[in-house]
Protein backbone atom coordinates (compact mmCIF):
# COMPACT_ATOMS: atom_id res chain seq x y z
CA MET A 1 -18.05 4.57 25.01
CA LYS A 2 -18.20 0.85 24.04
CA LYS A 3 -21.81 -0.56 25.64
CA SER A 4 -21.86 -3.24 28.47
CA VAL A 5 -21.64 -6.87 27.16
CA LEU A 6 -21.76 -9.90 29.46
CA ILE A 7 -19.24 -12.45 29.03
CA LYS A 8 -18.93 -16.12 30.60
CA LYS A 9 -16.60 -16.96 33.47
CA TYR A 10 -15.10 -20.76 34.07
CA SER A 11 -17.87 -21.43 36.41
CA GLY A 12 -20.29 -20.70 33.63
CA GLU A 13 -21.93 -17.28 35.08
CA TYR A 14 -22.44 -14.90 32.76
CA GLN A 15 -20.81 -11.17 34.11
CA ALA A 16 -20.71 -7.65 32.65
CA PHE A 17 -17.23 -7.07 31.36
CA ASP A 18 -15.06 -4.97 33.51
CA VAL A 19 -12.07 -3.06 31.68
CA ASN A 20 -10.51 -2.31 35.09
CA LYS A 21 -10.15 -6.50 36.34
CA LEU A 22 -8.14 -6.88 32.54
CA ILE A 23 -6.56 -3.71 33.55
CA ASN A 24 -5.44 -4.82 37.04
CA SER A 25 -4.68 -8.25 36.12
CA LEU A 26 -2.52 -6.79 33.10
CA ARG A 27 -0.43 -4.81 35.44
CA ARG A 28 0.62 -7.50 37.61
CA SER A 29 2.98 -8.88 34.84
CA GLN A 30 4.74 -5.63 35.41
CA ALA A 31 4.30 -4.55 31.82
CA ASP A 32 5.08 -0.68 31.36
CA GLU A 33 1.58 1.18 31.93
CA ASP A 34 1.20 1.86 28.14
CA ILE A 35 1.34 -1.60 26.99
CA VAL A 36 -1.02 -2.25 29.83
CA GLN A 37 -3.62 0.42 28.90
CA ASP A 38 -3.01 -0.31 24.92
CA ILE A 39 -3.78 -4.11 25.24
CA ALA A 40 -6.48 -3.45 27.31
CA ARG A 41 -8.09 -0.55 24.39
CA MET A 42 -7.52 -3.32 21.80
CA VAL A 43 -9.09 -6.10 23.99
CA GLN A 44 -12.08 -4.27 24.68
CA GLU A 45 -12.62 -3.70 20.95
CA GLN A 46 -12.85 -7.39 20.30
CA ILE A 47 -15.12 -8.03 22.93
CA GLU A 48 -18.10 -9.77 22.03
CA GLU A 49 -21.49 -11.16 23.71
CA GLY A 50 -20.86 -14.17 25.15
CA MET A 51 -17.49 -14.26 24.32
CA THR A 52 -15.56 -16.35 27.81
CA THR A 53 -12.85 -15.16 30.42
CA LYS A 54 -10.45 -17.85 28.44
CA LYS A 55 -10.89 -16.18 25.34
CA ILE A 56 -10.38 -12.83 26.51
CA TYR A 57 -7.16 -14.09 28.47
CA GLN A 58 -5.96 -15.75 25.30
CA LEU A 59 -6.14 -11.81 23.11
CA ALA A 60 -4.12 -10.31 26.04
CA PHE A 61 -1.82 -12.69 26.39
CA LYS A 62 -0.98 -12.87 22.57
CA MET A 63 -0.52 -9.34 22.55
CA LEU A 64 1.54 -9.17 26.01
CA LYS A 65 3.82 -11.67 24.50
CA GLY A 66 4.30 -9.45 21.16
CA LYS A 67 5.24 -6.54 23.49
CA SER A 68 7.47 -8.84 26.43
CA ARG A 69 7.97 -12.49 26.93
CA VAL A 70 8.54 -12.04 30.56
CA SER A 71 5.86 -9.90 31.26
CA ALA A 72 3.60 -12.33 29.45
CA SER A 73 5.38 -15.13 31.45
CA LYS A 74 3.99 -13.46 34.79
CA TYR A 75 0.84 -12.73 33.51
CA LYS A 76 0.34 -16.61 32.57
CA LEU A 77 0.77 -17.45 36.30
CA LYS A 78 -2.26 -18.59 37.30
CA LYS A 79 -2.21 -20.63 33.92
CA ALA A 80 1.34 -21.92 34.59
CA LEU A 81 0.24 -23.46 38.00
CA MET A 82 -2.51 -25.52 36.02
CA GLU A 83 -0.22 -26.89 33.57
CA LEU A 84 2.15 -28.27 36.76
CA GLY A 85 -0.11 -31.78 36.43
CA PRO A 86 -1.29 -34.31 35.72
CA THR A 87 0.11 -35.73 38.66
CA GLY A 88 0.02 -33.04 42.16
CA TYR A 89 3.70 -33.52 42.80
CA PRO A 90 5.05 -30.81 41.00
CA PHE A 91 2.46 -28.39 42.93
CA GLU A 92 3.62 -30.13 46.38
CA LYS A 93 7.34 -29.13 45.24
CA LEU A 94 6.69 -25.53 44.70
CA VAL A 95 4.79 -25.64 47.97
CA GLY A 96 7.94 -27.10 49.81
CA LYS A 97 10.36 -24.59 47.69
CA LEU A 98 7.92 -21.29 48.92
CA PHE A 99 8.20 -22.31 52.61
CA THR A 100 12.06 -23.66 51.85
CA HIS A 101 12.69 -19.73 50.37
CA GLU A 102 10.78 -18.08 53.66
CA GLY A 103 13.42 -19.49 56.04
CA TYR A 104 12.12 -23.14 56.55
CA ILE A 105 13.40 -26.77 57.19
CA THR A 106 10.96 -28.24 54.58
CA LYS A 107 10.21 -32.13 53.63
CA VAL A 108 7.62 -33.56 50.26
CA GLY A 109 6.14 -36.14 50.27
CA VAL A 110 6.94 -38.11 53.73
CA ILE A 111 5.10 -41.08 55.96
CA VAL A 112 4.38 -39.48 59.24
CA GLN A 113 3.34 -41.64 61.87
CA GLY A 114 -0.01 -40.42 63.51
CA ASN A 115 -1.76 -41.62 66.84
CA CYS A 116 -3.89 -44.24 65.26
CA VAL A 117 -2.62 -44.80 61.81
CA GLN A 118 0.38 -43.13 59.13
CA HIS A 119 -0.22 -40.61 57.03
CA GLU A 120 1.32 -39.42 53.77
CA VAL A 121 2.09 -35.57 54.21
CA ASP A 122 2.79 -33.76 51.36
CA VAL A 123 4.87 -30.95 53.26
CA ILE A 124 6.47 -31.08 56.57
CA ALA A 125 7.84 -27.28 57.31
CA GLN A 126 9.53 -26.24 60.45
CA LYS A 127 10.87 -23.11 61.61
CA ASP A 128 11.85 -21.93 65.08
CA ASN A 129 8.80 -22.97 67.31
CA ASN A 130 6.35 -23.21 64.52
CA HIS A 131 5.69 -26.88 62.87
CA TYR A 132 3.23 -27.16 59.88
CA MET A 133 1.86 -30.51 58.40
CA ILE A 134 0.55 -29.08 54.79
CA GLU A 135 -1.64 -30.72 51.86
CA CYS A 136 -1.74 -29.52 48.60
CA LYS A 137 -4.99 -29.72 46.37
CA TYR A 138 -3.76 -29.04 42.90
CA HIS A 139 -6.36 -28.87 40.36
CA SER A 140 -5.94 -28.42 36.54
CA ASP A 141 -9.39 -27.00 36.39
CA GLN A 142 -9.90 -23.51 37.34
CA GLY A 143 -13.42 -23.90 37.98
CA ARG A 144 -13.04 -26.08 40.55
CA PHE A 145 -13.13 -24.87 43.96
CA CYS A 146 -11.94 -26.50 47.34
CA ASN A 147 -14.90 -26.92 49.37
CA VAL A 148 -15.57 -27.36 53.18
CA LYS A 149 -15.06 -31.34 53.35
CA ILE A 150 -11.33 -30.67 52.35
CA PRO A 151 -9.90 -28.61 55.34
CA LEU A 152 -12.37 -30.95 57.59
CA TYR A 153 -10.58 -34.09 56.34
CA ILE A 154 -7.15 -32.45 56.28
CA HIS A 155 -7.86 -31.14 60.34
CA SER A 156 -8.87 -34.78 61.12
CA ARG A 157 -5.46 -36.18 59.57
CA PHE A 158 -3.53 -33.32 61.46
CA LEU A 159 -5.21 -33.78 65.22
CA ASP A 160 -4.12 -37.66 64.90
CA VAL A 161 -0.70 -36.41 63.89
CA GLU A 162 -0.32 -33.76 66.22
CA LYS A 163 -1.10 -36.21 69.30
CA GLN A 164 2.32 -38.12 67.97
CA TRP A 165 4.29 -34.89 68.23
CA GLU A 166 2.95 -33.87 71.14
CA HIS A 167 4.57 -37.01 72.47
CA GLN A 168 8.02 -36.34 71.44
CA GLN A 169 10.45 -34.40 73.37
CA ASP A 170 10.57 -30.65 73.02
CA HIS A 171 7.77 -30.43 71.48
CA GLU A 172 5.70 -28.89 74.47
CA SER A 173 6.74 -25.30 73.45
CA LYS A 174 6.06 -25.58 69.68
CA LEU A 175 3.22 -24.43 67.88
CA HIS A 176 1.44 -27.25 65.57
CA LYS A 177 -0.88 -26.29 62.68
CA GLY A 178 -2.23 -28.02 60.00
CA GLY A 179 -3.05 -26.38 56.57
CA VAL A 180 -4.23 -26.55 52.71
CA TYR A 181 -2.70 -25.04 49.54
CA THR A 182 -4.33 -24.79 46.80
CA ASN A 183 -3.68 -23.81 42.98
CA THR A 184 -7.23 -22.67 42.76
CA ARG A 185 -9.45 -21.32 45.53
CA PHE A 186 -11.55 -22.22 48.59
CA THR A 187 -15.44 -21.87 49.54
CA THR A 188 -16.48 -19.51 51.80
CA ASP A 189 -17.39 -22.33 53.94
CA ALA A 190 -13.93 -23.73 53.60
CA ILE A 191 -12.20 -20.42 54.71
CA GLN A 192 -14.90 -20.02 57.90
CA TYR A 193 -14.16 -23.36 58.59
CA GLY A 194 -10.11 -22.84 58.32
CA LYS A 195 -10.13 -19.85 60.81
CA CYS A 196 -12.60 -21.58 63.30
CA VAL A 197 -9.93 -24.12 63.93
CA GLY A 198 -6.91 -21.84 63.42
CA MET A 199 -5.73 -23.99 60.05
CA LEU A 200 -2.90 -22.24 57.35
CA MET A 201 -5.24 -21.91 54.28
CA THR A 202 -3.86 -20.28 51.28
CA SER A 203 -5.25 -20.45 47.83
CA TRP A 204 -4.32 -18.39 44.59
CA ASP A 205 -5.29 -15.19 45.94
CA TYR A 206 -6.15 -15.83 49.63
CA PRO A 207 -4.96 -14.33 52.02
CA MET A 208 -5.48 -11.56 50.43
CA GLY A 209 -2.10 -9.66 49.52
CA ASN A 210 -0.27 -13.02 51.10
CA GLY A 211 -1.75 -15.59 48.30
CA LEU A 212 0.19 -17.86 46.07
CA LYS A 213 0.30 -15.09 43.28
CA ASN A 214 1.96 -12.75 45.54
CA ARG A 215 4.18 -15.06 47.38
CA ILE A 216 5.51 -16.61 44.01
CA ASP A 217 5.96 -13.16 42.63
CA LYS A 218 7.71 -11.37 45.73
CA LEU A 219 10.12 -14.45 46.11
CA GLY A 220 10.71 -14.88 42.12
CA LEU A 221 9.86 -18.49 42.50
CA HIS A 222 7.55 -18.81 38.98
CA PRO A 223 7.27 -22.66 37.39
CA ILE A 224 9.09 -23.57 34.47
CA THR A 225 5.55 -23.33 32.90
CA ALA A 226 5.22 -19.94 32.74
CA LEU A 227 8.31 -19.90 30.20
CA THR A 228 7.15 -19.00 26.79
CA THR A 229 10.40 -19.92 25.07
CA LEU A 230 10.00 -23.97 26.23
CA THR A 231 7.86 -26.17 24.71
CA LYS A 232 4.72 -28.09 26.33
CA ALA A 233 7.18 -31.43 25.86
CA GLU A 234 10.07 -29.68 27.14
CA LYS A 235 8.40 -28.73 30.46
CA THR A 236 6.82 -32.25 30.58
CA LYS A 237 10.39 -33.51 30.33
CA LEU A 238 11.78 -31.06 32.84
CA LEU A 239 9.13 -31.70 35.49
CA ASP A 240 9.65 -35.49 35.08
CA LYS A 241 13.44 -34.63 36.21
CA GLY A 242 11.74 -32.96 39.04
CA ILE A 243 12.89 -29.40 37.65
CA VAL A 244 10.03 -27.22 38.65
CA LEU A 245 11.15 -23.37 39.17
CA CYS A 246 12.58 -21.38 36.47
CA LYS A 247 15.51 -20.77 39.46
CA GLU A 248 16.65 -24.28 39.16
CA LEU A 249 17.03 -24.15 35.31
CA TYR A 250 18.17 -20.59 35.52
CA GLU A 251 20.99 -22.11 38.32
CA ASN A 252 21.48 -25.82 36.07
CA PRO A 253 22.08 -24.33 32.55
CA THR A 254 23.40 -27.57 31.60
CA LEU A 255 19.83 -29.04 31.89
CA LEU A 256 19.13 -27.48 28.25
CA GLU A 257 22.23 -29.41 26.75
CA GLN A 258 21.63 -32.73 28.19
CA MET A 259 17.71 -32.12 26.41
CA GLU A 260 19.68 -31.14 23.46
CA ILE A 261 17.70 -27.78 22.58
CA ASP A 262 18.91 -25.50 20.37
CA LYS A 263 21.54 -23.06 21.20
CA LYS A 264 20.26 -20.28 19.70
CA ARG A 265 17.24 -21.09 22.31
CA HIS A 266 19.76 -21.28 25.10
CA LYS A 267 20.15 -17.11 25.50
CA LYS A 268 16.37 -16.91 25.32
CA ILE A 269 15.42 -19.45 27.59
CA LEU A 270 17.81 -18.74 30.39
CA GLU A 271 17.49 -14.61 29.89
CA ASP A 272 13.55 -15.37 31.03
CA SER A 273 14.30 -17.39 33.36
CA GLU A 274 16.65 -14.86 35.00
CA ALA A 275 14.48 -12.36 34.90
CA LEU A 276 11.50 -14.49 36.40
CA CYS A 277 13.74 -15.69 39.43
CA LYS A 278 14.16 -11.99 40.45
CA SER A 279 12.01 -10.82 43.78
CA THR A 280 9.51 -7.97 43.54
């Protein structure tokens, strides 16, 4: 049995390597259990004292990619969200798509008049009597969390907008809520404050069972940055065109022709995109 070794997290902290955490993250890729166990065993054999979690991820990803491109794409979802930058706009579009596919009427990047001043709001979502104002906090670094200052600031903006909404006709019966979506995580204080004032708080893995990773998998709304069949430059071109989801690429295959991508690769790109579109 391999002795316990300390590995370095993104935060700089050290912790004992836990093979079960690796197994659970690999299972989320929906790869066959035999593949999951084989990769976990091979990675565990290569673990060294002080190895970073980033290096461990890279080892597992490379092995998984050799077994199944689609499973590798699902496994790299967290990293794929980080690659939506450098601006936060593609992440805002992705959040808007999540609400749209859950039955909301959404608007992304809109100017809203508050009671005191105007506000630029990332996502407005409405369904039945629910009326939400969502701010998106995108980070390209896993080590950056959303602290309590962010929901404090966003809630104050929401209260200004809510006062204006309440003056509008038919808004008396509507449930108004402000919210924060982030591709990383919230601090404990941020979650506590958000709960206290009734904000919608969503991060990579919060709320438990209904965070971004769960909803993206459930709805089949993987970002194009998850595809292993596209180069970084090709992904950037698509993002610049406003294409954020594999679903959009699959439904508009002529985009690949417009980008003059080799036809031999078309089939693989579209096959992977279609597989990632399937809801779980």
